[in-house]
Amino acid sequence: MKMIEWESLDRDEQIKLREEFGYYLDSLPPTCSLDMKIARFNEWLSDRGISFEKEMG
């Protein structure tokens, strides 16, 4: 499957995905770790065919 780059999505698409991800996060244990939050977002987007390149650490 060809991945779509996060940066290529328009602002409205990014906002919609962030909102959907927020609902998904409600089902997970909370974390204060920024690395964990980014990893979760990366995995969630990847399952939807979207690549999100943000360095952790």
C-alpha atoms as a PDB file:
ATOM      1  CA  MET A   1       0.000   0.000   0.000  1.00  0.00           C
ATOM      2  CA  LYS A   2       1.296   3.440  -0.919  1.00  0.00           C
ATOM      3  CA  MET A   3       1.498   5.741   2.076  1.00  0.00           C
ATOM      4  CA  ILE A   4       0.202   9.304   1.975  1.00  0.00           C
ATOM      5  CA  GLU A   5       2.467  11.842   3.646  1.00  0.00           C
ATOM      6  CA  TRP A   6       0.916  13.759   6.549  1.00  0.00           C
ATOM      7  CA  GLU A   7       2.303  17.026   5.196  1.00  0.00           C
ATOM      8  CA  SER A   8       0.482  16.512   1.893  1.00  0.00           C
ATOM      9  CA  LEU A   9      -2.928  16.512   3.609  1.00  0.00           C
ATOM     10  CA  ASP A  10      -4.765  19.802   3.754  1.00  0.00           C
ATOM     11  CA  ARG A  11      -5.451  21.477   7.090  1.00  0.00           C
ATOM     12  CA  ASP A  12      -9.065  20.265   7.309  1.00  0.00           C
ATOM     13  CA  GLU A  13      -8.027  16.652   6.708  1.00  0.00           C
ATOM     14  CA  GLN A  14      -5.345  16.907   9.397  1.00  0.00           C
ATOM     15  CA  ILE A  15      -7.814  18.382  11.889  1.00  0.00           C
ATOM     16  CA  LYS A  16     -10.362  15.634  11.166  1.00  0.00           C
ATOM     17  CA  LEU A  17      -7.724  12.943  11.717  1.00  0.00           C
ATOM     18  CA  ARG A  18      -6.538  14.582  14.945  1.00  0.00           C
ATOM     19  CA  GLU A  19     -10.109  14.606  16.232  1.00  0.00           C
ATOM     20  CA  GLU A  20     -10.579  10.929  15.339  1.00  0.00           C
ATOM     21  CA  PHE A  21      -7.265  10.108  17.007  1.00  0.00           C
ATOM     22  CA  GLY A  22      -8.426  11.907  20.151  1.00  0.00           C
ATOM     23  CA  TYR A  23     -11.404   9.547  20.404  1.00  0.00           C
ATOM     24  CA  TYR A  24      -9.058   6.604  19.918  1.00  0.00           C
ATOM     25  CA  LEU A  25      -6.793   7.886  22.709  1.00  0.00           C
ATOM     26  CA  ASP A  26      -9.743   7.857  25.085  1.00  0.00           C
ATOM     27  CA  SER A  27      -9.651   4.057  24.862  1.00  0.00           C
ATOM     28  CA  LEU A  28      -5.947   3.825  25.837  1.00  0.00           C
ATOM     29  CA  PRO A  29      -4.214   4.259  29.186  1.00  0.00           C
ATOM     30  CA  PRO A  30      -3.103   7.875  29.625  1.00  0.00           C
ATOM     31  CA  THR A  31       0.562   8.792  29.236  1.00  0.00           C
ATOM     32  CA  CYS A  32       2.630  11.906  29.818  1.00  0.00           C
ATOM     33  CA  SER A  33       5.390  10.632  27.545  1.00  0.00           C
ATOM     34  CA  LEU A  34       5.660  12.696  24.382  1.00  0.00           C
ATOM     35  CA  ASP A  35       7.559   9.842  22.725  1.00  0.00           C
ATOM     36  CA  MET A  36       4.696   7.449  23.490  1.00  0.00           C
ATOM     37  CA  LYS A  37       2.118   9.940  22.197  1.00  0.00           C
ATOM     38  CA  ILE A  38       4.034  10.351  18.923  1.00  0.00           C
ATOM     39  CA  ALA A  39       4.496   6.584  18.595  1.00  0.00           C
ATOM     40  CA  ARG A  40       0.772   6.027  19.102  1.00  0.00           C
ATOM     41  CA  PHE A  41      -0.103   8.697  16.540  1.00  0.00           C
ATOM     42  CA  ASN A  42       2.400   7.218  14.074  1.00  0.00           C
ATOM     43  CA  GLU A  43       0.962   3.716  14.459  1.00  0.00           C
ATOM     44  CA  TRP A  44      -2.640   4.914  14.261  1.00  0.00           C
ATOM     45  CA  LEU A  45      -1.957   6.918  11.092  1.00  0.00           C
ATOM     46  CA  SER A  46       0.033   4.082   9.538  1.00  0.00           C
ATOM     47  CA  ASP A  47      -2.994   1.798   9.923  1.00  0.00           C
ATOM     48  CA  ARG A  48      -4.834   4.373   7.793  1.00  0.00           C
ATOM     49  CA  GLY A  49      -2.162   4.571   5.088  1.00  0.00           C
ATOM     50  CA  ILE A  50      -0.661   7.849   6.280  1.00  0.00           C
ATOM     51  CA  SER A  51       3.003   8.396   7.102  1.00  0.00           C
ATOM     52  CA  PHE A  52       3.874  10.842   9.852  1.00  0.00           C
ATOM     53  CA  GLU A  53       7.565  11.599  10.168  1.00  0.00           C
ATOM     54  CA  LYS A  54       8.322  13.167  13.508  1.00  0.00           C
ATOM     55  CA  GLU A  55      11.530  12.399  15.312  1.00  0.00           C
ATOM     56  CA  MET A  56      11.179  11.244  18.875  1.00  0.00           C
ATOM     57  CA  GLY A  57      13.505  12.100  21.732  1.00  0.00           C
END
